[in-house]
Amino acid sequence: MACYTYMVECSDGSLYTGWTNDLDGRVRAHNAGRGAKYTKSRRPVKLVYYETFATKQEAMRREYEVKRYSRARKLALLDRKE
């Protein structure tokens, strides 16, 4: 089963980073207000970035790394994927 580190853009323009093993389901959960406390009041969210990993541990490690990035570095990461 694949695991993902992902980034969504919230309605206020902020970025939220997380990990999941069901990318589509997780984005739907965020938009239904069940995804995370942070995104609940910032709906709708839009998936803007993801990476695929073989294990949960790899995805969680990458999530931790990306969450520590500055906003500028996160935006640069988005630019490379487009």
Protein backbone atom coordinates (compact mmCIF):
# COMPACT_ATOMS: atom_id res chain seq x y z
CA MET A 1 0.00 0.00 0.00
CA ALA A 2 1.36 3.41 -0.98
CA CYS A 3 1.59 6.26 1.50
CA TYR A 4 1.67 9.92 0.65
CA THR A 5 2.99 13.19 2.00
CA TYR A 6 0.73 15.91 0.69
CA MET A 7 0.12 19.63 0.79
CA VAL A 8 -3.23 21.36 0.41
CA GLU A 9 -3.90 25.03 -0.12
CA CYS A 10 -6.61 26.36 2.18
CA SER A 11 -9.21 28.96 1.22
CA ASP A 12 -7.21 31.65 3.06
CA GLY A 13 -4.11 30.87 0.97
CA SER A 14 -2.28 29.02 3.75
CA LEU A 15 -0.66 25.64 3.18
CA TYR A 16 -1.27 22.51 5.25
CA THR A 17 1.01 19.46 5.07
CA GLY A 18 0.07 15.95 6.15
CA TRP A 19 0.46 12.27 5.34
CA THR A 20 -2.05 9.58 4.42
CA ASN A 21 -2.50 6.21 2.75
CA ASP A 22 -5.68 7.39 0.93
CA LEU A 23 -4.99 10.68 -0.81
CA ASP A 24 -8.42 11.25 -2.39
CA GLY A 25 -10.21 10.23 0.80
CA ARG A 26 -8.06 12.51 2.92
CA VAL A 27 -8.74 15.56 0.73
CA ARG A 28 -12.48 14.74 0.85
CA ALA A 29 -12.23 14.48 4.65
CA HIS A 30 -10.54 17.89 4.87
CA ASN A 31 -13.29 19.42 2.74
CA ALA A 32 -15.97 17.75 4.86
CA GLY A 33 -14.48 19.30 8.00
CA ARG A 34 -13.14 15.99 9.35
CA GLY A 35 -9.55 16.19 8.13
CA ALA A 36 -7.72 18.33 10.68
CA LYS A 37 -8.54 21.07 13.14
CA TYR A 38 -6.40 23.51 11.13
CA THR A 39 -8.27 22.98 7.86
CA LYS A 40 -11.75 22.75 9.37
CA SER A 41 -12.22 26.53 9.38
CA ARG A 42 -10.26 27.09 6.16
CA ARG A 43 -12.35 25.11 3.70
CA PRO A 44 -12.41 24.36 0.89
CA VAL A 45 -8.92 23.00 0.44
CA LYS A 46 -7.23 22.08 -2.83
CA LEU A 47 -4.54 19.44 -3.26
CA VAL A 48 -1.45 21.20 -4.63
CA TYR A 49 1.37 18.72 -4.00
CA TYR A 50 2.08 15.12 -3.07
CA GLU A 51 4.89 12.59 -2.97
CA THR A 52 4.48 8.81 -2.90
CA PHE A 53 6.33 6.49 -0.50
CA ALA A 54 6.43 2.76 0.08
CA THR A 55 6.02 2.96 3.86
CA LYS A 56 4.17 4.99 6.47
CA GLN A 57 7.45 5.80 8.18
CA GLU A 58 8.91 7.38 5.04
CA ALA A 59 5.78 9.47 4.48
CA MET A 60 5.72 10.61 8.11
CA ARG A 61 9.42 11.49 8.01
CA ARG A 62 8.91 13.58 4.87
CA GLU A 63 5.84 15.27 6.38
CA TYR A 64 7.91 16.29 9.41
CA GLU A 65 10.63 17.63 7.13
CA VAL A 66 8.27 19.67 4.93
CA LYS A 67 6.35 21.08 7.91
CA ARG A 68 9.61 22.64 9.09
CA TYR A 69 10.11 24.44 5.75
CA SER A 70 9.46 28.16 5.49
CA ARG A 71 6.51 29.24 3.37
CA ALA A 72 8.92 30.40 0.66
CA ARG A 73 10.58 26.99 0.55
CA LYS A 74 7.18 25.25 0.39
CA LEU A 75 6.18 27.46 -2.53
CA ALA A 76 9.46 26.66 -4.26
CA LEU A 77 8.67 22.96 -3.79
CA LEU A 78 5.30 23.53 -5.52
CA ASP A 79 6.98 25.33 -8.41
CA ARG A 80 9.24 22.34 -9.09
CA LYS A 81 6.27 19.94 -9.32
CA GLU A 82 4.21 21.98 -11.79
